[in-house]
Amino acid sequence: MDYNTKILIAEDDSKQRAAMKEYLTRTAGVRFVEEAENGEEALIKIERSRPDVIIVDVWLTKVDGLSLIKQAVKMSYSPEKPPIIIMTS
């Protein structure tokens, strides 16, 4: 993964977000990791920061993960849609 890859983590559990961010920055060397604690915030950050990769928890608040994905795919900020990684626990 490129060091300049922008990643958005949409996860409502702050401990999970922190663990993912730490893994991505320490292990994978990614420099640009943004966080969102709910689906509504994630949509705003997707539009604003245009991440290269989006990691989404299915069980988000305000806008659930699946709805977030549907809306994110419709946002046409790039000819290529960003990869979206779906997770749940």
C-alpha atoms as a PDB file:
ATOM      1  CA  MET A   1       0.000   0.000   0.000  1.00  0.00           C
ATOM      2  CA  ASP A   2       1.256   3.472  -0.896  1.00  0.00           C
ATOM      3  CA  TYR A   3       2.275   5.654   2.058  1.00  0.00           C
ATOM      4  CA  ASN A   4       0.097   8.450   0.687  1.00  0.00           C
ATOM      5  CA  THR A   5      -3.044   6.311   0.459  1.00  0.00           C
ATOM      6  CA  LYS A   6      -5.975   8.048   2.174  1.00  0.00           C
ATOM      7  CA  ILE A   7      -8.098   5.687   4.255  1.00  0.00           C
ATOM      8  CA  LEU A   8     -11.382   6.405   6.007  1.00  0.00           C
ATOM      9  CA  ILE A   9     -12.411   4.159   8.900  1.00  0.00           C
ATOM     10  CA  ALA A  10     -16.151   4.294   9.645  1.00  0.00           C
ATOM     11  CA  GLU A  11     -16.585   2.477  12.963  1.00  0.00           C
ATOM     12  CA  ASP A  12     -18.756   3.410  15.947  1.00  0.00           C
ATOM     13  CA  ASP A  13     -16.553   1.631  18.507  1.00  0.00           C
ATOM     14  CA  SER A  14     -13.729   4.028  19.441  1.00  0.00           C
ATOM     15  CA  LYS A  15     -11.426   1.205  20.581  1.00  0.00           C
ATOM     16  CA  GLN A  16     -11.843  -0.625  17.268  1.00  0.00           C
ATOM     17  CA  ARG A  17     -11.178   2.597  15.330  1.00  0.00           C
ATOM     18  CA  ALA A  18      -8.054   3.300  17.345  1.00  0.00           C
ATOM     19  CA  ALA A  19      -6.750  -0.252  16.887  1.00  0.00           C
ATOM     20  CA  MET A  20      -7.299  -0.135  13.118  1.00  0.00           C
ATOM     21  CA  LYS A  21      -5.695   3.283  12.826  1.00  0.00           C
ATOM     22  CA  GLU A  22      -2.674   2.180  14.823  1.00  0.00           C
ATOM     23  CA  TYR A  23      -2.289  -0.971  12.724  1.00  0.00           C
ATOM     24  CA  LEU A  24      -2.521   0.962   9.465  1.00  0.00           C
ATOM     25  CA  THR A  25      -0.082   3.673  10.523  1.00  0.00           C
ATOM     26  CA  ARG A  26       2.461   1.449  12.301  1.00  0.00           C
ATOM     27  CA  THR A  27       2.354  -1.797  10.356  1.00  0.00           C
ATOM     28  CA  ALA A  28       1.305  -0.719   6.880  1.00  0.00           C
ATOM     29  CA  GLY A  29       2.942   2.707   7.084  1.00  0.00           C
ATOM     30  CA  VAL A  30      -0.141   4.592   5.904  1.00  0.00           C
ATOM     31  CA  ARG A  31       0.074   8.293   6.746  1.00  0.00           C
ATOM     32  CA  PHE A  32      -3.452   9.503   6.049  1.00  0.00           C
ATOM     33  CA  VAL A  33      -6.102   7.776   8.147  1.00  0.00           C
ATOM     34  CA  GLU A  34      -9.347   9.593   8.857  1.00  0.00           C
ATOM     35  CA  GLU A  35     -12.027   8.384  11.256  1.00  0.00           C
ATOM     36  CA  ALA A  36     -15.818   8.626  11.435  1.00  0.00           C
ATOM     37  CA  GLU A  37     -17.884   7.423  14.390  1.00  0.00           C
ATOM     38  CA  ASN A  38     -21.173   7.120  12.485  1.00  0.00           C
ATOM     39  CA  GLY A  39     -22.470   6.796   8.948  1.00  0.00           C
ATOM     40  CA  GLU A  40     -23.572  10.409   8.650  1.00  0.00           C
ATOM     41  CA  GLU A  41     -20.119  11.679   9.582  1.00  0.00           C
ATOM     42  CA  ALA A  42     -18.540   9.150   7.198  1.00  0.00           C
ATOM     43  CA  LEU A  43     -20.567  10.441   4.240  1.00  0.00           C
ATOM     44  CA  ILE A  44     -19.467  14.006   4.968  1.00  0.00           C
ATOM     45  CA  LYS A  45     -15.825  12.926   5.209  1.00  0.00           C
ATOM     46  CA  ILE A  46     -16.053  10.825   2.035  1.00  0.00           C
ATOM     47  CA  GLU A  47     -17.295  13.832   0.107  1.00  0.00           C
ATOM     48  CA  ARG A  48     -14.735  16.168   1.697  1.00  0.00           C
ATOM     49  CA  SER A  49     -11.547  14.067   1.762  1.00  0.00           C
ATOM     50  CA  ARG A  50     -12.189  11.629  -1.109  1.00  0.00           C
ATOM     51  CA  PRO A  51     -10.456   8.615   0.427  1.00  0.00           C
ATOM     52  CA  ASP A  52      -8.691   5.973  -1.643  1.00  0.00           C
ATOM     53  CA  VAL A  53     -10.023   3.158   0.572  1.00  0.00           C
ATOM     54  CA  ILE A  54     -13.070   3.061   2.863  1.00  0.00           C
ATOM     55  CA  ILE A  55     -13.398   0.618   5.773  1.00  0.00           C
ATOM     56  CA  VAL A  56     -17.025   0.366   6.942  1.00  0.00           C
ATOM     57  CA  ASP A  57     -18.659  -1.319   9.928  1.00  0.00           C
ATOM     58  CA  VAL A  58     -22.065  -2.687   8.915  1.00  0.00           C
ATOM     59  CA  TRP A  59     -23.655  -1.689  12.233  1.00  0.00           C
ATOM     60  CA  LEU A  60     -23.121   2.078  12.249  1.00  0.00           C
ATOM     61  CA  THR A  61     -25.435   4.617  13.860  1.00  0.00           C
ATOM     62  CA  LYS A  62     -27.307   7.452  12.085  1.00  0.00           C
ATOM     63  CA  VAL A  63     -26.702   5.866   8.665  1.00  0.00           C
ATOM     64  CA  ASP A  64     -26.064   2.106   8.702  1.00  0.00           C
ATOM     65  CA  GLY A  65     -23.058   0.648   6.906  1.00  0.00           C
ATOM     66  CA  LEU A  66     -24.952  -0.806   3.954  1.00  0.00           C
ATOM     67  CA  SER A  67     -26.779   2.475   3.302  1.00  0.00           C
ATOM     68  CA  LEU A  68     -23.479   4.320   3.612  1.00  0.00           C
ATOM     69  CA  ILE A  69     -21.951   2.037   0.973  1.00  0.00           C
ATOM     70  CA  LYS A  70     -24.868   2.566  -1.422  1.00  0.00           C
ATOM     71  CA  GLN A  71     -24.549   6.342  -1.068  1.00  0.00           C
ATOM     72  CA  ALA A  72     -20.738   6.313  -1.289  1.00  0.00           C
ATOM     73  CA  VAL A  73     -20.852   4.358  -4.550  1.00  0.00           C
ATOM     74  CA  LYS A  74     -23.130   7.047  -6.025  1.00  0.00           C
ATOM     75  CA  MET A  75     -20.622   9.801  -5.200  1.00  0.00           C
ATOM     76  CA  SER A  76     -18.689  10.285  -8.408  1.00  0.00           C
ATOM     77  CA  TYR A  77     -15.490  12.001  -7.348  1.00  0.00           C
ATOM     78  CA  SER A  78     -13.310   9.595  -9.313  1.00  0.00           C
ATOM     79  CA  PRO A  79     -13.715   7.535 -12.479  1.00  0.00           C
ATOM     80  CA  GLU A  80     -12.738   4.560 -10.357  1.00  0.00           C
ATOM     81  CA  LYS A  81     -14.774   3.927  -7.232  1.00  0.00           C
ATOM     82  CA  PRO A  82     -12.691   3.507  -4.065  1.00  0.00           C
ATOM     83  CA  PRO A  83     -12.419  -0.015  -2.693  1.00  0.00           C
ATOM     84  CA  ILE A  84     -14.781  -0.520   0.232  1.00  0.00           C
ATOM     85  CA  ILE A  85     -13.960  -3.046   2.932  1.00  0.00           C
ATOM     86  CA  ILE A  86     -16.972  -4.189   4.951  1.00  0.00           C
ATOM     87  CA  MET A  87     -16.590  -5.501   8.501  1.00  0.00           C
ATOM     88  CA  THR A  88     -18.794  -6.545  11.362  1.00  0.00           C
ATOM     89  CA  SER A  89     -18.390  -8.096  14.773  1.00  0.00           C
END
